[in-house]
All heavy atoms as atom14 arrays in JSON, in Angstrom:
{
  "sequence": "RLSCAASKSIFSSTVMGWYRQAPGKQRELVATIVNIGSITYADSVKGR",
  "atom14_mask": [
    [1, 1, 1, 1, 1, 1, 1, 1, 1, 1, 1, 0, 0, 0],
    [1, 1, 1, 1, 1, 1, 1, 1, 0, 0, 0, 0, 0, 0],
    [1, 1, 1, 1, 1, 1, 0, 0, 0, 0, 0, 0, 0, 0],
    [1, 1, 1, 1, 1, 1, 0, 0, 0, 0, 0, 0, 0, 0],
    [1, 1, 1, 1, 1, 0, 0, 0, 0, 0, 0, 0, 0, 0],
    [1, 1, 1, 1, 1, 0, 0, 0, 0, 0, 0, 0, 0, 0],
    [1, 1, 1, 1, 1, 1, 0, 0, 0, 0, 0, 0, 0, 0],
    [1, 1, 1, 1, 1, 1, 1, 1, 1, 0, 0, 0, 0, 0],
    [1, 1, 1, 1, 1, 1, 0, 0, 0, 0, 0, 0, 0, 0],
    [1, 1, 1, 1, 1, 1, 1, 1, 0, 0, 0, 0, 0, 0],
    [1, 1, 1, 1, 1, 1, 1, 1, 1, 1, 1, 0, 0, 0],
    [1, 1, 1, 1, 1, 1, 0, 0, 0, 0, 0, 0, 0, 0],
    [1, 1, 1, 1, 1, 1, 0, 0, 0, 0, 0, 0, 0, 0],
    [1, 1, 1, 1, 1, 1, 1, 0, 0, 0, 0, 0, 0, 0],
    [1, 1, 1, 1, 1, 1, 1, 0, 0, 0, 0, 0, 0, 0],
    [1, 1, 1, 1, 1, 1, 1, 1, 0, 0, 0, 0, 0, 0],
    [1, 1, 1, 1, 0, 0, 0, 0, 0, 0, 0, 0, 0, 0],
    [1, 1, 1, 1, 1, 1, 1, 1, 1, 1, 1, 1, 1, 1],
    [1, 1, 1, 1, 1, 1, 1, 1, 1, 1, 1, 1, 0, 0],
    [1, 1, 1, 1, 1, 1, 1, 1, 1, 1, 1, 0, 0, 0],
    [1, 1, 1, 1, 1, 1, 1, 1, 1, 0, 0, 0, 0, 0],
    [1, 1, 1, 1, 1, 0, 0, 0, 0, 0, 0, 0, 0, 0],
    [1, 1, 1, 1, 1, 1, 1, 0, 0, 0, 0, 0, 0, 0],
    [1, 1, 1, 1, 0, 0, 0, 0, 0, 0, 0, 0, 0, 0],
    [1, 1, 1, 1, 1, 1, 1, 1, 1, 0, 0, 0, 0, 0],
    [1, 1, 1, 1, 1, 1, 1, 1, 1, 0, 0, 0, 0, 0],
    [1, 1, 1, 1, 1, 1, 1, 1, 1, 1, 1, 0, 0, 0],
    [1, 1, 1, 1, 1, 1, 1, 1, 1, 0, 0, 0, 0, 0],
    [1, 1, 1, 1, 1, 1, 1, 1, 0, 0, 0, 0, 0, 0],
    [1, 1, 1, 1, 1, 1, 1, 0, 0, 0, 0, 0, 0, 0],
    [1, 1, 1, 1, 1, 0, 0, 0, 0, 0, 0, 0, 0, 0],
    [1, 1, 1, 1, 1, 1, 1, 0, 0, 0, 0, 0, 0, 0],
    [1, 1, 1, 1, 1, 1, 1, 1, 0, 0, 0, 0, 0, 0],
    [1, 1, 1, 1, 1, 1, 1, 0, 0, 0, 0, 0, 0, 0],
    [1, 1, 1, 1, 1, 1, 1, 1, 0, 0, 0, 0, 0, 0],
    [1, 1, 1, 1, 1, 1, 1, 1, 0, 0, 0, 0, 0, 0],
    [1, 1, 1, 1, 0, 0, 0, 0, 0, 0, 0, 0, 0, 0],
    [1, 1, 1, 1, 1, 1, 0, 0, 0, 0, 0, 0, 0, 0],
    [1, 1, 1, 1, 1, 1, 1, 1, 0, 0, 0, 0, 0, 0],
    [1, 1, 1, 1, 1, 1, 1, 0, 0, 0, 0, 0, 0, 0],
    [1, 1, 1, 1, 1, 1, 1, 1, 1, 1, 1, 1, 0, 0],
    [1, 1, 1, 1, 1, 0, 0, 0, 0, 0, 0, 0, 0, 0],
    [1, 1, 1, 1, 1, 1, 1, 1, 0, 0, 0, 0, 0, 0],
    [1, 1, 1, 1, 1, 1, 0, 0, 0, 0, 0, 0, 0, 0],
    [1, 1, 1, 1, 1, 1, 1, 0, 0, 0, 0, 0, 0, 0],
    [1, 1, 1, 1, 1, 1, 1, 1, 1, 0, 0, 0, 0, 0],
    [1, 1, 1, 1, 0, 0, 0, 0, 0, 0, 0, 0, 0, 0],
    [1, 1, 1, 1, 1, 1, 1, 1, 1, 1, 1, 0, 0, 0]
  ],
  "atom14_positions": [
    [[-92.38, 14.08, 97.12], [-93.07, 15.32, 96.57], [-94.46, 15.42, 97.13], [-95.28, 14.46, 96.97], [-93.08, 15.28, 95.09], [-93.6, 16.64, 94.49], [-93.97, 16.45, 92.95], [-94.04, 17.75, 92.37], [-94.82, 17.96, 91.21], [-95.48, 16.95, 90.7], [-94.92, 19.18, 90.65], [0.0, 0.0, 0.0], [0.0, 0.0, 0.0], [0.0, 0.0, 0.0]],
    [[-94.77, 16.43, 97.9], [-96.06, 16.73, 98.45], [-96.83, 17.57, 97.5], [-96.26, 18.49, 96.9], [-95.94, 17.32, 99.83], [-95.13, 16.6, 100.89], [-95.19, 17.41, 102.23], [-95.54, 15.18, 101.06], [0.0, 0.0, 0.0], [0.0, 0.0, 0.0], [0.0, 0.0, 0.0], [0.0, 0.0, 0.0], [0.0, 0.0, 0.0], [0.0, 0.0, 0.0]],
    [[-98.16, 17.32, 97.49], [-99.03, 18.21, 96.69], [-100.18, 18.69, 97.55], [-100.61, 17.95, 98.52], [-99.63, 17.41, 95.48], [-98.61, 16.99, 94.61], [0.0, 0.0, 0.0], [0.0, 0.0, 0.0], [0.0, 0.0, 0.0], [0.0, 0.0, 0.0], [0.0, 0.0, 0.0], [0.0, 0.0, 0.0], [0.0, 0.0, 0.0], [0.0, 0.0, 0.0]],
    [[-100.7, 19.79, 97.3], [-101.86, 20.4, 98.07], [-102.75, 21.09, 97.03], [-102.39, 22.02, 96.38], [-101.42, 21.33, 99.15], [-102.76, 22.25, 99.87], [0.0, 0.0, 0.0], [0.0, 0.0, 0.0], [0.0, 0.0, 0.0], [0.0, 0.0, 0.0], [0.0, 0.0, 0.0], [0.0, 0.0, 0.0], [0.0, 0.0, 0.0], [0.0, 0.0, 0.0]],
    [[-103.9, 20.47, 96.85], [-104.85, 21.01, 95.91], [-105.99, 21.79, 96.68], [-106.57, 21.21, 97.62], [-105.47, 19.91, 95.08], [0.0, 0.0, 0.0], [0.0, 0.0, 0.0], [0.0, 0.0, 0.0], [0.0, 0.0, 0.0], [0.0, 0.0, 0.0], [0.0, 0.0, 0.0], [0.0, 0.0, 0.0], [0.0, 0.0, 0.0], [0.0, 0.0, 0.0]],
    [[-106.32, 22.97, 96.21], [-107.4, 23.82, 96.78], [-108.66, 23.49, 95.99], [-108.64, 23.26, 94.8], [-107.04, 25.27, 96.69], [0.0, 0.0, 0.0], [0.0, 0.0, 0.0], [0.0, 0.0, 0.0], [0.0, 0.0, 0.0], [0.0, 0.0, 0.0], [0.0, 0.0, 0.0], [0.0, 0.0, 0.0], [0.0, 0.0, 0.0], [0.0, 0.0, 0.0]],
    [[-109.8, 23.57, 96.73], [-111.1, 23.18, 96.18], [-111.71, 24.36, 95.29], [-112.71, 24.07, 94.63], [-112.03, 22.89, 97.34], [-112.26, 24.05, 98.14], [0.0, 0.0, 0.0], [0.0, 0.0, 0.0], [0.0, 0.0, 0.0], [0.0, 0.0, 0.0], [0.0, 0.0, 0.0], [0.0, 0.0, 0.0], [0.0, 0.0, 0.0], [0.0, 0.0, 0.0]],
    [[-111.07, 25.49, 95.3], [-111.58, 26.62, 94.53], [-110.43, 27.5, 94.13], [-109.27, 27.29, 94.58], [-112.54, 27.4, 95.2], [-112.07, 28.04, 96.58], [-113.2, 28.72, 97.31], [-113.65, 30.03, 96.74], [-114.64, 30.69, 97.61], [0.0, 0.0, 0.0], [0.0, 0.0, 0.0], [0.0, 0.0, 0.0], [0.0, 0.0, 0.0], [0.0, 0.0, 0.0]],
    [[-110.66, 28.4, 93.26], [-109.56, 29.22, 92.7], [-109.02, 30.11, 93.79], [-109.72, 30.68, 94.57], [-110.15, 30.1, 91.61], [-109.13, 30.94, 90.96], [0.0, 0.0, 0.0], [0.0, 0.0, 0.0], [0.0, 0.0, 0.0], [0.0, 0.0, 0.0], [0.0, 0.0, 0.0], [0.0, 0.0, 0.0], [0.0, 0.0, 0.0], [0.0, 0.0, 0.0]],
    [[-107.66, 30.08, 93.8], [-106.92, 30.91, 94.79], [-106.24, 32.05, 94.02], [-105.62, 31.83, 92.98], [-105.82, 30.04, 95.48], [-106.45, 28.85, 96.2], [-105.02, 30.93, 96.44], [-107.3, 29.23, 97.34], [0.0, 0.0, 0.0], [0.0, 0.0, 0.0], [0.0, 0.0, 0.0], [0.0, 0.0, 0.0], [0.0, 0.0, 0.0], [0.0, 0.0, 0.0]],
    [[-106.42, 33.24, 94.55], [-105.76, 34.4, 93.87], [-104.26, 34.1, 93.75], [-103.64, 33.62, 94.71], [-105.96, 35.67, 94.63], [-107.4, 36.01, 94.89], [-107.8, 36.47, 96.12], [-108.36, 35.9, 93.89], [-109.14, 36.75, 96.43], [-109.69, 36.23, 94.13], [-110.09, 36.59, 95.45], [0.0, 0.0, 0.0], [0.0, 0.0, 0.0], [0.0, 0.0, 0.0]],
    [[-103.65, 34.46, 92.63], [-102.29, 34.27, 92.37], [-101.45, 35.06, 93.4], [-100.27, 34.76, 93.6], [-101.92, 34.62, 90.98], [-102.17, 36.01, 90.69], [0.0, 0.0, 0.0], [0.0, 0.0, 0.0], [0.0, 0.0, 0.0], [0.0, 0.0, 0.0], [0.0, 0.0, 0.0], [0.0, 0.0, 0.0], [0.0, 0.0, 0.0], [0.0, 0.0, 0.0]],
    [[-101.99, 36.07, 93.97], [-101.24, 36.92, 94.98], [-101.45, 36.43, 96.41], [-100.87, 36.98, 97.43], [-101.77, 38.45, 94.96], [-103.19, 38.42, 95.26], [0.0, 0.0, 0.0], [0.0, 0.0, 0.0], [0.0, 0.0, 0.0], [0.0, 0.0, 0.0], [0.0, 0.0, 0.0], [0.0, 0.0, 0.0], [0.0, 0.0, 0.0], [0.0, 0.0, 0.0]],
    [[-102.15, 35.28, 96.67], [-102.36, 34.8, 97.99], [-101.21, 33.85, 98.34], [-100.7, 33.09, 97.59], [-103.58, 33.88, 97.95], [-104.77, 34.73, 97.59], [-103.88, 33.32, 99.37], [0.0, 0.0, 0.0], [0.0, 0.0, 0.0], [0.0, 0.0, 0.0], [0.0, 0.0, 0.0], [0.0, 0.0, 0.0], [0.0, 0.0, 0.0], [0.0, 0.0, 0.0]],
    [[-100.73, 34.08, 99.6], [-99.59, 33.22, 100.06], [-100.12, 31.84, 100.25], [-101.1, 31.56, 100.8], [-99.09, 33.79, 101.42], [-97.96, 32.87, 102.01], [-98.55, 35.21, 101.25], [0.0, 0.0, 0.0], [0.0, 0.0, 0.0], [0.0, 0.0, 0.0], [0.0, 0.0, 0.0], [0.0, 0.0, 0.0], [0.0, 0.0, 0.0], [0.0, 0.0, 0.0]],
    [[-99.29, 30.88, 99.81], [-99.49, 29.46, 100.01], [-98.23, 28.89, 100.67], [-97.2, 29.38, 100.45], [-99.88, 28.69, 98.77], [-101.16, 29.23, 98.12], [-101.65, 28.13, 96.71], [-102.42, 26.73, 97.63], [0.0, 0.0, 0.0], [0.0, 0.0, 0.0], [0.0, 0.0, 0.0], [0.0, 0.0, 0.0], [0.0, 0.0, 0.0], [0.0, 0.0, 0.0]],
    [[-98.41, 27.93, 101.57], [-97.22, 27.47, 102.22], [-97.38, 26.04, 102.84], [-98.47, 25.43, 102.81], [0.0, 0.0, 0.0], [0.0, 0.0, 0.0], [0.0, 0.0, 0.0], [0.0, 0.0, 0.0], [0.0, 0.0, 0.0], [0.0, 0.0, 0.0], [0.0, 0.0, 0.0], [0.0, 0.0, 0.0], [0.0, 0.0, 0.0], [0.0, 0.0, 0.0]],
    [[-96.24, 25.52, 103.27], [-96.17, 24.27, 104.02], [-95.65, 24.52, 105.42], [-94.66, 25.24, 105.6], [-95.31, 23.3, 103.26], [-95.84, 22.85, 101.99], [-95.7, 23.39, 100.69], [-96.83, 21.79, 101.74], [-96.31, 22.69, 99.81], [-97.12, 21.64, 100.37], [-97.32, 20.83, 102.6], [-97.96, 20.67, 99.92], [-98.18, 19.87, 102.07], [-98.46, 19.78, 100.76]],
    [[-96.26, 23.81, 106.34], [-95.79, 23.84, 107.72], [-95.66, 22.32, 108.16], [-96.22, 21.48, 107.46], [-96.8, 24.52, 108.65], [-96.81, 26.04, 108.39], [-97.53, 26.56, 107.24], [-96.35, 26.93, 109.28], [-97.58, 27.95, 106.95], [-96.42, 28.35, 109.06], [-97.04, 28.8, 107.91], [-97.07, 30.12, 107.66], [0.0, 0.0, 0.0], [0.0, 0.0, 0.0]],
    [[-94.89, 22.12, 109.21], [-94.84, 20.73, 109.78], [-94.87, 20.77, 111.28], [-94.46, 21.71, 111.94], [-93.59, 20.04, 109.24], [-92.32, 20.55, 109.73], [-91.03, 20.02, 109.04], [-89.79, 20.53, 109.5], [-88.63, 20.14, 108.98], [-88.57, 19.38, 107.93], [-87.53, 20.72, 109.52], [0.0, 0.0, 0.0], [0.0, 0.0, 0.0], [0.0, 0.0, 0.0]],
    [[-95.28, 19.63, 111.76], [-95.33, 19.48, 113.26], [-94.83, 18.02, 113.62], [-95.5, 17.04, 113.19], [-96.77, 19.66, 113.79], [-96.86, 19.68, 115.3], [-98.17, 20.22, 115.8], [-99.1, 20.26, 115.1], [-98.22, 20.61, 117.12], [0.0, 0.0, 0.0], [0.0, 0.0, 0.0], [0.0, 0.0, 0.0], [0.0, 0.0, 0.0], [0.0, 0.0, 0.0]],
    [[-93.78, 18.0, 114.34], [-93.21, 16.75, 114.82], [-93.71, 16.45, 116.17], [-94.2, 17.34, 116.94], [-91.65, 16.83, 114.87], [0.0, 0.0, 0.0], [0.0, 0.0, 0.0], [0.0, 0.0, 0.0], [0.0, 0.0, 0.0], [0.0, 0.0, 0.0], [0.0, 0.0, 0.0], [0.0, 0.0, 0.0], [0.0, 0.0, 0.0], [0.0, 0.0, 0.0]],
    [[-93.8, 15.18, 116.57], [-94.29, 14.75, 117.87], [-93.7, 15.56, 119.0], [-92.45, 15.64, 119.09], [-93.98, 13.31, 118.02], [-93.89, 12.8, 116.57], [-93.33, 13.99, 115.83], [0.0, 0.0, 0.0], [0.0, 0.0, 0.0], [0.0, 0.0, 0.0], [0.0, 0.0, 0.0], [0.0, 0.0, 0.0], [0.0, 0.0, 0.0], [0.0, 0.0, 0.0]],
    [[-94.5, 16.15, 119.88], [-93.96, 16.84, 120.95], [-93.41, 18.29, 120.7], [-92.9, 18.94, 121.53], [0.0, 0.0, 0.0], [0.0, 0.0, 0.0], [0.0, 0.0, 0.0], [0.0, 0.0, 0.0], [0.0, 0.0, 0.0], [0.0, 0.0, 0.0], [0.0, 0.0, 0.0], [0.0, 0.0, 0.0], [0.0, 0.0, 0.0], [0.0, 0.0, 0.0]],
    [[-93.59, 18.72, 119.42], [-93.06, 20.06, 119.07], [-94.18, 20.88, 118.48], [-95.22, 20.42, 118.1], [-91.89, 19.87, 118.07], [-90.74, 19.12, 118.55], [-89.61, 19.18, 117.54], [-88.37, 18.54, 118.12], [-87.17, 18.6, 117.17], [0.0, 0.0, 0.0], [0.0, 0.0, 0.0], [0.0, 0.0, 0.0], [0.0, 0.0, 0.0], [0.0, 0.0, 0.0]],
    [[-93.9, 22.19, 118.42], [-94.85, 23.15, 117.83], [-94.83, 23.06, 116.3], [-93.77, 22.72, 115.8], [-94.54, 24.54, 118.34], [-94.76, 24.81, 119.81], [-94.6, 26.29, 120.21], [-93.83, 26.99, 119.59], [-95.37, 26.7, 121.15], [0.0, 0.0, 0.0], [0.0, 0.0, 0.0], [0.0, 0.0, 0.0], [0.0, 0.0, 0.0], [0.0, 0.0, 0.0]],
    [[-95.93, 23.46, 115.76], [-95.97, 23.58, 114.3], [-94.99, 24.65, 113.83], [-94.87, 25.74, 114.44], [-97.32, 23.86, 113.76], [-97.58, 23.7, 112.36], [-99.06, 23.83, 111.93], [-99.85, 22.79, 112.54], [-101.06, 22.58, 112.3], [-101.72, 23.38, 111.37], [-101.85, 21.7, 112.76], [0.0, 0.0, 0.0], [0.0, 0.0, 0.0], [0.0, 0.0, 0.0]],
    [[-94.16, 24.4, 112.75], [-93.27, 25.3, 112.3], [-93.3, 25.52, 110.81], [-93.73, 24.64, 110.08], [-91.79, 24.84, 112.64], [-91.38, 23.51, 111.92], [-89.92, 23.15, 112.26], [-89.34, 23.79, 113.03], [-89.41, 22.17, 111.68], [0.0, 0.0, 0.0], [0.0, 0.0, 0.0], [0.0, 0.0, 0.0], [0.0, 0.0, 0.0], [0.0, 0.0, 0.0]],
    [[-92.95, 26.66, 110.32], [-92.91, 27.04, 108.94], [-91.85, 26.14, 108.22], [-90.75, 26.01, 108.68], [-92.54, 28.49, 108.8], [-92.22, 29.0, 107.28], [-93.57, 29.01, 106.54], [-91.68, 30.36, 107.38], [0.0, 0.0, 0.0], [0.0, 0.0, 0.0], [0.0, 0.0, 0.0], [0.0, 0.0, 0.0], [0.0, 0.0, 0.0], [0.0, 0.0, 0.0]],
    [[-92.2, 25.73, 107.06], [-91.28, 25.01, 106.16], [-90.93, 25.97, 104.98], [-89.81, 26.17, 104.7], [-91.82, 23.71, 105.68], [-90.81, 23.01, 104.69], [-92.01, 22.75, 106.83], [0.0, 0.0, 0.0], [0.0, 0.0, 0.0], [0.0, 0.0, 0.0], [0.0, 0.0, 0.0], [0.0, 0.0, 0.0], [0.0, 0.0, 0.0], [0.0, 0.0, 0.0]],
    [[-91.91, 26.37, 104.26], [-91.76, 27.24, 103.1], [-93.04, 27.89, 102.79], [-94.12, 27.42, 102.98], [-91.2, 26.4, 101.93], [0.0, 0.0, 0.0], [0.0, 0.0, 0.0], [0.0, 0.0, 0.0], [0.0, 0.0, 0.0], [0.0, 0.0, 0.0], [0.0, 0.0, 0.0], [0.0, 0.0, 0.0], [0.0, 0.0, 0.0], [0.0, 0.0, 0.0]],
    [[-92.91, 29.1, 102.21], [-94.03, 29.78, 101.67], [-93.78, 30.34, 100.29], [-92.59, 30.63, 99.96], [-94.52, 31.02, 102.57], [-93.43, 31.95, 102.63], [-94.82, 30.6, 103.95], [0.0, 0.0, 0.0], [0.0, 0.0, 0.0], [0.0, 0.0, 0.0], [0.0, 0.0, 0.0], [0.0, 0.0, 0.0], [0.0, 0.0, 0.0], [0.0, 0.0, 0.0]],
    [[-94.78, 30.63, 99.5], [-94.61, 31.16, 98.18], [-95.81, 32.0, 97.81], [-97.03, 31.74, 98.12], [-94.55, 30.03, 97.09], [-94.31, 30.56, 95.71], [-95.77, 29.06, 97.14], [-93.86, 29.51, 94.67], [0.0, 0.0, 0.0], [0.0, 0.0, 0.0], [0.0, 0.0, 0.0], [0.0, 0.0, 0.0], [0.0, 0.0, 0.0], [0.0, 0.0, 0.0]],
    [[-95.49, 33.13, 97.21], [-96.53, 33.98, 96.53], [-96.36, 33.86, 95.07], [-97.2, 33.43, 94.34], [-96.44, 35.49, 96.97], [-97.48, 36.3, 96.21], [-96.58, 35.65, 98.47], [0.0, 0.0, 0.0], [0.0, 0.0, 0.0], [0.0, 0.0, 0.0], [0.0, 0.0, 0.0], [0.0, 0.0, 0.0], [0.0, 0.0, 0.0], [0.0, 0.0, 0.0]],
    [[-95.22, 34.14, 94.6], [-94.85, 33.94, 93.21], [-93.27, 33.5, 93.2], [-92.69, 33.44, 94.26], [-95.11, 35.14, 92.37], [-94.46, 36.34, 92.92], [-93.28, 36.37, 93.23], [-95.22, 37.36, 93.09], [0.0, 0.0, 0.0], [0.0, 0.0, 0.0], [0.0, 0.0, 0.0], [0.0, 0.0, 0.0], [0.0, 0.0, 0.0], [0.0, 0.0, 0.0]],
    [[-92.75, 33.28, 92.08], [-91.42, 32.83, 91.9], [-90.41, 33.72, 92.54], [-89.32, 33.34, 92.94], [-91.02, 32.46, 90.54], [-89.8, 31.54, 90.46], [-90.88, 33.72, 89.69], [-89.47, 30.98, 89.09], [0.0, 0.0, 0.0], [0.0, 0.0, 0.0], [0.0, 0.0, 0.0], [0.0, 0.0, 0.0], [0.0, 0.0, 0.0], [0.0, 0.0, 0.0]],
    [[-90.79, 34.99, 92.62], [-89.83, 35.94, 93.14], [-90.13, 36.26, 94.68], [-89.41, 37.05, 95.27], [0.0, 0.0, 0.0], [0.0, 0.0, 0.0], [0.0, 0.0, 0.0], [0.0, 0.0, 0.0], [0.0, 0.0, 0.0], [0.0, 0.0, 0.0], [0.0, 0.0, 0.0], [0.0, 0.0, 0.0], [0.0, 0.0, 0.0], [0.0, 0.0, 0.0]],
    [[-91.0, 35.49, 95.31], [-91.34, 35.67, 96.7], [-91.5, 34.31, 97.37], [-92.6, 33.87, 97.45], [-92.64, 36.53, 96.79], [-92.93, 36.77, 98.18], [0.0, 0.0, 0.0], [0.0, 0.0, 0.0], [0.0, 0.0, 0.0], [0.0, 0.0, 0.0], [0.0, 0.0, 0.0], [0.0, 0.0, 0.0], [0.0, 0.0, 0.0], [0.0, 0.0, 0.0]],
    [[-90.33, 33.75, 97.71], [-90.34, 32.46, 98.32], [-89.52, 32.55, 99.65], [-88.47, 33.23, 99.59], [-89.72, 31.4, 97.38], [-90.66, 31.2, 96.18], [-89.47, 30.1, 98.1], [-90.1, 30.26, 95.12], [0.0, 0.0, 0.0], [0.0, 0.0, 0.0], [0.0, 0.0, 0.0], [0.0, 0.0, 0.0], [0.0, 0.0, 0.0], [0.0, 0.0, 0.0]],
    [[-90.0, 31.86, 100.62], [-89.14, 31.8, 101.91], [-89.04, 30.38, 102.29], [-89.9, 29.49, 102.09], [-89.8, 32.54, 103.03], [-91.05, 32.02, 103.37], [-89.96, 33.99, 102.68], [0.0, 0.0, 0.0], [0.0, 0.0, 0.0], [0.0, 0.0, 0.0], [0.0, 0.0, 0.0], [0.0, 0.0, 0.0], [0.0, 0.0, 0.0], [0.0, 0.0, 0.0]],
    [[-87.92, 30.06, 102.86], [-87.67, 28.66, 103.4], [-87.15, 28.77, 104.88], [-86.41, 29.75, 105.23], [-86.61, 27.97, 102.59], [-87.03, 27.61, 101.2], [-86.55, 28.44, 100.11], [-87.76, 26.46, 100.91], [-86.85, 28.05, 98.84], [-88.21, 26.17, 99.64], [-87.75, 27.02, 98.59], [-88.1, 26.65, 97.33], [0.0, 0.0, 0.0], [0.0, 0.0, 0.0]],
    [[-87.44, 27.78, 105.63], [-86.81, 27.64, 106.96], [-85.37, 27.24, 106.68], [-84.97, 26.59, 105.77], [-87.49, 26.52, 107.78], [0.0, 0.0, 0.0], [0.0, 0.0, 0.0], [0.0, 0.0, 0.0], [0.0, 0.0, 0.0], [0.0, 0.0, 0.0], [0.0, 0.0, 0.0], [0.0, 0.0, 0.0], [0.0, 0.0, 0.0], [0.0, 0.0, 0.0]],
    [[-84.48, 27.76, 107.57], [-83.02, 27.5, 107.38], [-82.76, 25.92, 107.36], [-81.86, 25.61, 106.64], [-82.24, 28.05, 108.54], [-82.2, 29.58, 108.49], [-82.4, 30.13, 107.35], [-81.82, 30.29, 109.43], [0.0, 0.0, 0.0], [0.0, 0.0, 0.0], [0.0, 0.0, 0.0], [0.0, 0.0, 0.0], [0.0, 0.0, 0.0], [0.0, 0.0, 0.0]],
    [[-83.53, 25.19, 108.05], [-83.28, 23.76, 108.13], [-83.6, 23.02, 106.81], [-83.16, 21.85, 106.66], [-84.13, 23.18, 109.29], [-85.54, 23.38, 108.99], [0.0, 0.0, 0.0], [0.0, 0.0, 0.0], [0.0, 0.0, 0.0], [0.0, 0.0, 0.0], [0.0, 0.0, 0.0], [0.0, 0.0, 0.0], [0.0, 0.0, 0.0], [0.0, 0.0, 0.0]],
    [[-84.28, 23.62, 105.94], [-84.62, 22.94, 104.62], [-84.07, 23.61, 103.44], [-84.06, 23.08, 102.36], [-86.12, 22.76, 104.43], [-86.73, 22.15, 105.73], [-86.82, 24.03, 104.16], [0.0, 0.0, 0.0], [0.0, 0.0, 0.0], [0.0, 0.0, 0.0], [0.0, 0.0, 0.0], [0.0, 0.0, 0.0], [0.0, 0.0, 0.0], [0.0, 0.0, 0.0]],
    [[-83.37, 24.79, 103.64], [-82.83, 25.44, 102.39], [-81.8, 24.56, 101.7], [-80.97, 23.94, 102.33], [-82.13, 26.73, 102.94], [-83.01, 27.86, 103.22], [-82.23, 29.1, 103.67], [-83.2, 30.27, 104.05], [-82.47, 31.43, 104.53], [0.0, 0.0, 0.0], [0.0, 0.0, 0.0], [0.0, 0.0, 0.0], [0.0, 0.0, 0.0], [0.0, 0.0, 0.0]],
    [[-81.94, 24.56, 100.4], [-81.03, 23.7, 99.6], [-81.47, 22.29, 99.39], [-80.94, 21.66, 98.58], [0.0, 0.0, 0.0], [0.0, 0.0, 0.0], [0.0, 0.0, 0.0], [0.0, 0.0, 0.0], [0.0, 0.0, 0.0], [0.0, 0.0, 0.0], [0.0, 0.0, 0.0], [0.0, 0.0, 0.0], [0.0, 0.0, 0.0], [0.0, 0.0, 0.0]],
    [[-82.51, 21.91, 100.18], [-83.01, 20.5, 100.03], [-84.44, 20.5, 99.58], [-84.82, 19.54, 98.89], [-82.87, 19.87, 101.37], [-81.51, 19.74, 101.9], [-81.44, 18.89, 103.13], [-82.21, 19.34, 104.25], [-83.26, 18.74, 104.88], [-83.49, 17.46, 104.46], [-83.88, 19.26, 105.89], [0.0, 0.0, 0.0], [0.0, 0.0, 0.0], [0.0, 0.0, 0.0]]
  ]
}
């Protein structure tokens, strides 16, 4: 379980997300969230 804490208040409407970069590869989207009704996942991680 990864956590990411912001140093100040973030608007609840602001997009927050996770990206990853493997050696020799470009940074890629993993998942983003605005609210529970607005979430996206990379196909490679859906369901996991």
